Amino acid sequence: MAAVYVPILRAKPGEIEALGRLSPFAKANSQPILDISWVDTETATQLQERLTDIAVKVSEGWGTANPIYFDFSLFPPQAEVVAGSPVEFLFRTARQLHLPAVPVTGPPADRGPGVDYLGPIRKVAQTDRRGVAIRVSYDDFRDPQDLLSAIATVQSHIEVPDLQTDLILDGKSLDGMPEDERALDTLVEIFSEAVGALDGRSFRRIVACLSSFPEKSPRTIGGAPVRIVRLEGSIWRSLVHNRSLQTTALGDYGVVFSRETDPVGPVIAPSKVRLSTPTMHVLFKGRPEDYFELAREVMQASELNEVADCWGTHSIRDCTVGAGGLGNATTWVARDTNTHIETTARTAQNILLRAKRLEETETVPTDPWLQTFLFK
């Protein structure tokens, strides 16, 4: 298990920039899923151009040394580009760019109606031979038998064995779960039973994914930030320390609400800084013109000492001393996502090392080297 952390991110400019700004350590220890949005009003030509741009930008920023996942979970099965299947087109483009891309799919209950979308996934897997990831929703893994059935259904269509399959147990948002199942002990039990049901199977990687990030937060300018416990980390640590279970990687949704949808029409975004420590989301929010003041509040926050020293934090600090522009909503997402991944990848690796689930020889140097941005 090379990557210890799998963030599920939107395939949008802010997130892609964040990946391009990651240190070599974070790139080696994380394998993001870029989930591509579906735009109802796009023509086949426009969609094809957007997919090309995504593949090019990711290859220039993330680079071509480490694998990365692409998912089309928001696409209808009948979606097409001029060249045919959008899945096949994106991976054909990635292949030309030498980008080691891995396809993500899921059971028909999440990707239907029908199983037509599994055909392109099978073709890509057979051509690239990098395996696949199966992303299973909470409704399909909260009962272990449903989980095994969902996996069997997908594998019967894509014909990829366990050894070439990454399994993502995707709980999505804590807010979207039944209220009586949101307690830590309850979720530890549900995730533990799901991972335990896989005993004897040889999946390449198993990822326990959940997000505590809220849908909305109040304005905080001039006051205390909102602090939210990252419950997913506590759940995952319980899985890691349960020696009867296979080793799992940590997954979450970065600094965006897991069920967030793109707004319709122009929107004036509030200014935000979303600081991620190993255990907390610390959320700062103000009016669009308040970003400078928010950045100053972040620099004075005690939690900053728990955050990785990286491009994201340097960029926020530069804003407070006039060394860098304030940016816009896309820039803010890039800074916060970069900081989140750098901090979480380090935290996950340290937890696995302390639990003796990871050998020192499997790691790379932990210096937070700041990488020159690769975009042209």
Protein backbone atom coordinates (compact mmCIF):
# COMPACT_ATOMS: atom_id res chain seq x y z
CA MET A 1 0.00 0.00 0.00
CA ALA A 2 1.98 3.01 -1.25
CA ALA A 3 -0.49 5.87 -0.76
CA VAL A 4 -1.84 6.09 2.79
CA TYR A 5 -4.34 8.86 2.06
CA VAL A 6 -7.03 9.11 -0.65
CA PRO A 7 -8.82 12.48 -0.81
CA ILE A 8 -11.90 12.66 -3.05
CA LEU A 9 -11.75 16.02 -4.83
CA ARG A 10 -13.67 17.86 -7.50
CA ALA A 11 -11.78 18.03 -10.80
CA LYS A 12 -11.86 21.83 -10.77
CA PRO A 13 -9.14 24.48 -11.16
CA GLY A 14 -8.64 25.12 -7.43
CA GLU A 15 -8.22 21.47 -6.55
CA ILE A 16 -5.98 20.79 -9.54
CA GLU A 17 -3.75 23.73 -8.61
CA ALA A 18 -3.55 22.42 -5.05
CA LEU A 19 -2.24 19.09 -6.36
CA GLY A 20 0.37 20.83 -8.48
CA ARG A 21 1.67 22.67 -5.41
CA LEU A 22 2.10 19.54 -3.24
CA SER A 23 5.49 18.48 -1.90
CA PRO A 24 7.05 15.24 -3.18
CA PHE A 25 6.22 13.69 0.21
CA ALA A 26 2.51 14.42 -0.11
CA LYS A 27 2.41 13.20 -3.70
CA ALA A 28 4.11 9.93 -2.78
CA ASN A 29 1.80 9.30 0.18
CA SER A 30 -1.55 10.29 -1.31
CA GLN A 31 -3.54 9.21 -4.34
CA PRO A 32 -6.41 11.62 -5.01
CA ILE A 33 -9.68 10.78 -6.72
CA LEU A 34 -10.64 13.56 -9.11
CA ASP A 35 -14.42 13.36 -9.57
CA ILE A 36 -15.42 15.15 -12.77
CA SER A 37 -18.56 17.28 -12.65
CA TRP A 38 -21.45 16.86 -15.08
CA VAL A 39 -22.76 20.03 -16.76
CA ASP A 40 -26.23 19.60 -18.28
CA THR A 41 -25.80 22.49 -20.70
CA GLU A 42 -22.50 21.31 -22.20
CA THR A 43 -22.38 20.02 -25.76
CA ALA A 44 -20.39 16.90 -26.59
CA THR A 45 -17.68 19.12 -28.07
CA GLN A 46 -17.48 21.33 -24.99
CA LEU A 47 -17.29 18.30 -22.70
CA GLN A 48 -14.50 16.79 -24.77
CA GLU A 49 -12.54 20.05 -24.61
CA ARG A 50 -13.03 20.25 -20.83
CA LEU A 51 -11.84 16.66 -20.33
CA THR A 52 -8.76 17.39 -22.44
CA ASP A 53 -8.00 20.49 -20.37
CA ILE A 54 -8.37 18.53 -17.11
CA ALA A 55 -6.00 15.79 -18.27
CA VAL A 56 -3.40 18.31 -19.48
CA LYS A 57 -3.54 20.44 -16.32
CA VAL A 58 -3.30 17.38 -14.05
CA SER A 59 -0.31 15.99 -15.98
CA GLU A 60 1.46 19.35 -15.74
CA GLY A 61 0.70 19.89 -12.06
CA TRP A 62 0.39 16.51 -10.36
CA GLY A 63 2.98 15.14 -12.78
CA THR A 64 3.43 11.70 -14.27
CA ALA A 65 5.38 9.89 -11.54
CA ASN A 66 2.50 8.96 -9.22
CA PRO A 67 -0.87 7.38 -10.02
CA ILE A 68 -4.11 9.33 -9.69
CA TYR A 69 -7.75 8.25 -9.87
CA PHE A 70 -10.44 9.67 -12.16
CA ASP A 71 -14.14 9.17 -11.48
CA PHE A 72 -17.29 9.96 -13.45
CA SER A 73 -19.74 9.33 -10.60
CA LEU A 74 -21.88 12.35 -11.53
CA PHE A 75 -22.25 11.40 -15.20
CA PRO A 76 -25.36 9.75 -16.66
CA PRO A 77 -24.55 6.37 -18.28
CA GLN A 78 -25.48 7.66 -21.75
CA ALA A 79 -23.08 10.63 -21.67
CA GLU A 80 -20.94 11.04 -24.79
CA VAL A 81 -18.23 13.23 -26.24
CA VAL A 82 -17.55 13.63 -29.96
CA ALA A 83 -15.12 10.70 -29.79
CA GLY A 84 -17.63 8.43 -28.00
CA SER A 85 -17.37 7.42 -24.36
CA PRO A 86 -16.07 10.21 -22.08
CA VAL A 87 -14.37 7.60 -19.90
CA GLU A 88 -12.45 6.09 -22.80
CA PHE A 89 -11.64 9.54 -24.20
CA LEU A 90 -10.20 10.87 -20.93
CA PHE A 91 -8.04 7.80 -20.37
CA ARG A 92 -6.87 7.78 -23.97
CA THR A 93 -5.80 11.42 -23.50
CA ALA A 94 -4.12 10.56 -20.18
CA ARG A 95 -2.26 7.74 -21.92
CA GLN A 96 -0.91 10.17 -24.53
CA LEU A 97 0.27 12.46 -21.72
CA HIS A 98 1.93 9.54 -19.85
CA LEU A 99 -0.36 10.27 -16.90
CA PRO A 100 -0.76 7.09 -14.77
CA ALA A 101 -4.52 7.35 -14.36
CA VAL A 102 -6.68 4.70 -12.66
CA PRO A 103 -10.44 4.46 -13.33
CA VAL A 104 -13.00 4.50 -10.52
CA THR A 105 -16.37 2.81 -10.80
CA GLY A 106 -19.14 1.59 -8.53
CA PRO A 107 -22.13 -0.76 -8.34
CA PRO A 108 -25.21 -0.24 -10.53
CA ALA A 109 -27.15 1.03 -7.50
CA ASP A 110 -24.93 4.13 -7.58
CA ARG A 111 -24.05 4.41 -11.28
CA GLY A 112 -27.16 3.18 -13.09
CA PRO A 113 -29.65 2.72 -14.42
CA GLY A 114 -28.17 -0.32 -16.08
CA VAL A 115 -24.57 -1.46 -16.33
CA ASP A 116 -23.61 0.16 -19.65
CA TYR A 117 -21.09 2.45 -17.93
CA LEU A 118 -19.06 -0.58 -16.83
CA GLY A 119 -18.10 -1.46 -20.41
CA PRO A 120 -15.74 1.53 -20.88
CA ILE A 121 -14.23 0.88 -17.44
CA ARG A 122 -13.44 -2.71 -18.46
CA LYS A 123 -11.84 -1.53 -21.72
CA VAL A 124 -9.66 1.03 -19.94
CA ALA A 125 -8.57 -1.51 -17.32
CA GLN A 126 -7.67 -4.05 -20.00
CA THR A 127 -5.70 -1.47 -21.99
CA ASP A 128 -3.81 0.32 -19.22
CA ARG A 129 -3.40 -2.63 -16.83
CA ARG A 130 -3.31 -0.33 -13.81
CA GLY A 131 -6.32 -1.93 -12.18
CA VAL A 132 -9.45 -0.14 -10.99
CA ALA A 133 -11.03 1.31 -7.87
CA ILE A 134 -14.53 0.29 -6.80
CA ARG A 135 -16.22 3.06 -4.83
CA VAL A 136 -19.00 1.63 -2.65
CA SER A 137 -21.53 3.92 -0.95
CA TYR A 138 -22.53 3.74 2.70
CA ASP A 139 -25.88 2.13 1.85
CA ASP A 140 -23.98 -0.68 0.13
CA PHE A 141 -21.39 -1.37 2.85
CA ARG A 142 -23.29 -0.80 6.10
CA ASP A 143 -24.41 -4.42 5.71
CA PRO A 144 -21.41 -6.69 5.00
CA GLN A 145 -23.44 -9.00 2.77
CA ASP A 146 -24.57 -6.07 0.65
CA LEU A 147 -20.93 -5.02 0.33
CA LEU A 148 -19.83 -8.44 -0.91
CA SER A 149 -22.73 -8.53 -3.34
CA ALA A 150 -21.91 -5.07 -4.71
CA ILE A 151 -18.27 -6.02 -5.25
CA ALA A 152 -19.23 -9.28 -6.97
CA THR A 153 -21.61 -7.47 -9.32
CA VAL A 154 -19.00 -4.95 -10.42
CA GLN A 155 -16.22 -7.54 -10.79
CA SER A 156 -18.43 -9.77 -12.92
CA HIS A 157 -18.64 -6.97 -15.48
CA ILE A 158 -15.16 -5.44 -15.38
CA GLU A 159 -13.22 -8.72 -14.96
CA VAL A 160 -10.51 -7.26 -12.71
CA PRO A 161 -9.29 -9.44 -9.79
CA ASP A 162 -8.88 -8.35 -6.18
CA LEU A 163 -5.10 -7.93 -6.50
CA GLN A 164 -5.65 -5.18 -9.07
CA THR A 165 -8.60 -3.58 -7.27
CA ASP A 166 -8.71 -0.73 -4.77
CA LEU A 167 -11.85 -0.69 -2.65
CA ILE A 168 -13.21 2.66 -1.45
CA LEU A 169 -15.71 2.41 1.41
CA ASP A 170 -17.26 5.83 0.82
CA GLY A 171 -19.38 7.08 3.71
CA LYS A 172 -19.60 10.52 2.06
CA SER A 173 -20.88 13.06 4.59
CA LEU A 174 -21.50 12.51 8.26
CA ASP A 175 -24.44 14.91 7.90
CA GLY A 176 -26.06 12.62 5.33
CA MET A 177 -26.15 9.57 7.59
CA PRO A 178 -29.11 8.50 9.75
CA GLU A 179 -28.88 10.39 13.04
CA ASP A 180 -28.78 7.19 15.09
CA GLU A 181 -25.66 6.02 13.16
CA ARG A 182 -23.48 9.13 13.52
CA ALA A 183 -21.89 8.27 16.87
CA LEU A 184 -18.21 7.34 16.85
CA ASP A 185 -18.71 3.88 18.36
CA THR A 186 -21.50 3.06 15.89
CA LEU A 187 -19.47 4.11 12.86
CA VAL A 188 -16.38 2.27 14.07
CA GLU A 189 -18.51 -0.86 14.32
CA ILE A 190 -20.01 -0.41 10.84
CA PHE A 191 -16.65 0.24 9.16
CA SER A 192 -15.01 -2.57 11.15
CA GLU A 193 -17.64 -5.08 10.07
CA ALA A 194 -17.24 -3.99 6.45
CA VAL A 195 -13.45 -4.38 6.53
CA GLY A 196 -13.79 -7.63 8.48
CA ALA A 197 -16.06 -9.05 5.78
CA LEU A 198 -13.11 -8.73 3.39
CA ASP A 199 -10.93 -11.04 5.47
CA GLY A 200 -9.24 -13.52 3.16
CA ARG A 201 -9.57 -11.22 0.15
CA SER A 202 -6.46 -9.61 -1.35
CA PHE A 203 -7.48 -6.15 -2.47
CA ARG A 204 -4.63 -3.89 -3.50
CA ARG A 205 -5.87 -1.15 -1.17
CA ILE A 206 -8.88 -0.66 1.12
CA VAL A 207 -9.86 2.92 1.92
CA ALA A 208 -12.14 4.00 4.77
CA CYS A 209 -13.62 7.31 3.64
CA LEU A 210 -15.91 9.78 5.42
CA SER A 211 -16.17 13.56 5.75
CA SER A 212 -17.15 15.65 8.76
CA PHE A 213 -16.91 18.85 6.72
CA PRO A 214 -20.22 20.76 7.03
CA GLU A 215 -22.49 21.95 4.24
CA LYS A 216 -22.55 25.48 5.63
CA SER A 217 -20.81 27.49 8.32
CA PRO A 218 -21.60 30.92 9.80
CA ARG A 219 -19.61 34.11 9.22
CA THR A 220 -16.78 34.34 11.76
CA ILE A 221 -14.94 37.57 10.91
CA GLY A 222 -13.89 39.32 14.11
CA GLY A 223 -14.86 36.35 16.26
CA ALA A 224 -13.87 32.78 16.99
CA PRO A 225 -13.62 30.36 14.07
CA VAL A 226 -15.89 27.33 13.81
CA ARG A 227 -14.16 24.20 15.07
CA ILE A 228 -15.40 20.80 13.93
CA VAL A 229 -13.91 17.47 15.00
CA ARG A 230 -12.65 15.36 12.10
CA LEU A 231 -14.52 12.23 13.16
CA GLU A 232 -13.27 10.30 10.13
CA GLY A 233 -9.77 10.39 11.59
CA SER A 234 -10.93 8.86 14.87
CA ILE A 235 -12.81 6.11 13.04
CA TRP A 236 -9.83 5.31 10.87
CA ARG A 237 -7.43 5.22 13.82
CA SER A 238 -9.69 2.64 15.48
CA LEU A 239 -9.50 0.49 12.34
CA VAL A 240 -5.71 0.82 12.21
CA HIS A 241 -5.29 -0.25 15.84
CA ASN A 242 -7.61 -3.26 15.45
CA ARG A 243 -5.04 -5.93 14.65
CA SER A 244 -7.71 -8.36 13.47
CA LEU A 245 -8.45 -6.12 10.47
CA GLN A 246 -6.51 -5.55 7.28
CA THR A 247 -4.61 -2.28 6.98
CA THR A 248 -6.70 0.52 5.50
CA ALA A 249 -5.88 3.90 4.00
CA LEU A 250 -7.66 7.08 5.10
CA GLY A 251 -10.09 8.86 2.80
CA ASP A 252 -12.06 12.11 3.01
CA TYR A 253 -13.41 14.93 0.84
CA GLY A 254 -10.80 17.59 1.47
CA VAL A 255 -12.19 20.99 2.47
CA VAL A 256 -15.45 20.81 0.54
CA PHE A 257 -18.82 19.42 1.59
CA SER A 258 -19.07 15.94 0.04
CA ARG A 259 -22.46 16.56 -1.57
CA GLU A 260 -21.72 20.06 -2.80
CA THR A 261 -23.22 20.93 -6.18
CA ASP A 262 -22.18 23.65 -8.59
CA PRO A 263 -24.31 26.82 -8.34
CA VAL A 264 -26.52 27.88 -11.24
CA GLY A 265 -25.63 31.32 -12.55
CA PRO A 266 -23.11 33.86 -11.22
CA VAL A 267 -22.32 33.74 -7.50
CA ILE A 268 -20.37 36.14 -5.29
CA ALA A 269 -18.47 33.76 -3.04
CA PRO A 270 -17.76 34.66 0.58
CA SER A 271 -14.12 34.72 1.64
CA LYS A 272 -13.03 31.58 3.45
CA VAL A 273 -10.02 29.94 5.02
CA ARG A 274 -10.46 26.26 5.89
CA LEU A 275 -7.62 25.18 8.13
CA SER A 276 -7.18 21.43 8.74
CA THR A 277 -5.29 20.11 11.74
CA PRO A 278 -4.87 16.37 12.34
CA THR A 279 -8.04 16.36 14.45
CA MET A 280 -10.08 19.48 13.59
CA HIS A 281 -11.51 21.59 10.79
CA VAL A 282 -11.00 25.23 11.80
CA LEU A 283 -13.24 27.40 9.61
CA PHE A 284 -12.91 31.14 9.02
CA LYS A 285 -15.53 32.94 6.92
CA GLY A 286 -16.34 36.53 5.98
CA ARG A 287 -17.66 38.77 3.23
CA PRO A 288 -15.82 38.66 -0.12
CA GLU A 289 -13.76 41.72 0.85
CA ASP A 290 -12.73 40.27 4.22
CA TYR A 291 -10.06 37.81 3.06
CA PHE A 292 -7.12 39.92 4.27
CA GLU A 293 -8.59 40.10 7.77
CA LEU A 294 -9.35 36.36 7.73
CA ALA A 295 -5.76 35.60 6.72
CA ARG A 296 -4.49 37.68 9.65
CA GLU A 297 -6.80 35.79 12.02
CA VAL A 298 -5.47 32.48 10.66
CA MET A 299 -1.88 33.56 11.28
CA GLN A 300 -2.79 34.22 14.92
CA ALA A 301 -4.71 30.97 15.43
CA SER A 302 -3.15 28.51 17.86
CA GLU A 303 -4.05 25.62 15.55
CA LEU A 304 -1.59 26.87 12.91
CA ASN A 305 1.19 25.10 14.83
CA GLU A 306 -0.49 21.76 14.08
CA VAL A 307 -0.64 22.33 10.32
CA ALA A 308 2.00 21.28 7.79
CA ASP A 309 4.45 23.91 6.60
CA CYS A 310 3.56 24.00 2.91
CA TRP A 311 2.66 26.16 -0.08
CA GLY A 312 -0.89 26.67 1.21
CA THR A 313 0.12 28.15 4.56
CA HIS A 314 2.96 30.15 2.98
CA SER A 315 0.53 31.64 0.47
CA ILE A 316 -1.89 32.72 3.22
CA ARG A 317 0.98 34.22 5.21
CA ASP A 318 2.18 36.12 2.14
CA CYS A 319 -1.24 37.78 1.89
CA THR A 320 -0.83 39.30 5.34
CA VAL A 321 2.50 40.96 4.55
CA GLY A 322 1.70 42.15 1.05
CA ALA A 323 3.97 39.61 -0.63
CA GLY A 324 1.18 37.94 -2.58
CA GLY A 325 -2.23 38.79 -3.95
CA LEU A 326 -5.36 37.99 -2.01
CA GLY A 327 -6.62 35.76 -4.82
CA ASN A 328 -10.19 34.66 -5.44
CA ALA A 329 -12.49 31.75 -4.56
CA THR A 330 -10.49 29.36 -6.77
CA THR A 331 -7.20 30.44 -5.18
CA TRP A 332 -8.68 30.03 -1.70
CA VAL A 333 -9.75 26.46 -2.48
CA ALA A 334 -6.26 25.73 -3.82
CA ARG A 335 -4.52 27.04 -0.68
CA ASP A 336 -6.82 25.25 1.74
CA THR A 337 -6.86 21.96 -0.20
CA ASN A 338 -3.07 21.97 -0.45
CA THR A 339 -2.71 22.53 3.30
CA HIS A 340 -5.31 19.86 4.06
CA ILE A 341 -3.59 17.19 1.96
CA GLU A 342 -0.09 17.99 3.26
CA THR A 343 -1.27 17.81 6.88
CA THR A 344 -3.45 14.73 6.46
CA ALA A 345 -0.88 12.72 4.49
CA ARG A 346 1.70 13.31 7.23
CA THR A 347 -0.77 12.47 9.96
CA ALA A 348 -1.86 9.24 8.26
CA GLN A 349 1.69 8.08 7.70
CA ASN A 350 2.67 8.80 11.32
CA ILE A 351 -0.31 6.86 12.67
CA LEU A 352 0.49 3.84 10.49
CA LEU A 353 4.15 3.94 11.53
CA ARG A 354 3.31 4.10 15.24
CA ALA A 355 0.83 1.24 14.83
CA LYS A 356 3.55 -0.77 13.02
CA ARG A 357 1.30 -1.02 9.97
CA LEU A 358 3.96 0.59 7.82
CA GLU A 359 7.69 -0.01 7.58
CA GLU A 360 10.11 2.92 7.49
CA THR A 361 11.47 1.53 4.23
CA GLU A 362 8.07 2.09 2.60
CA THR A 363 8.18 5.84 3.24
CA VAL A 364 9.91 8.72 1.54
CA PRO A 365 11.79 11.56 3.32
CA THR A 366 9.41 13.69 5.37
CA ASP A 367 10.97 17.07 4.64
CA PRO A 368 8.16 19.38 3.47
CA TRP A 369 9.97 20.36 0.30
CA LEU A 370 8.13 23.11 -1.50
CA GLN A 371 7.72 22.08 -5.11
CA THR A 372 7.99 24.56 -7.94
CA PHE A 373 4.63 24.76 -9.64
CA LEU A 374 4.74 22.77 -12.87
CA PHE A 375 1.93 24.48 -14.81
CA LYS A 376 3.03 26.22 -17.96
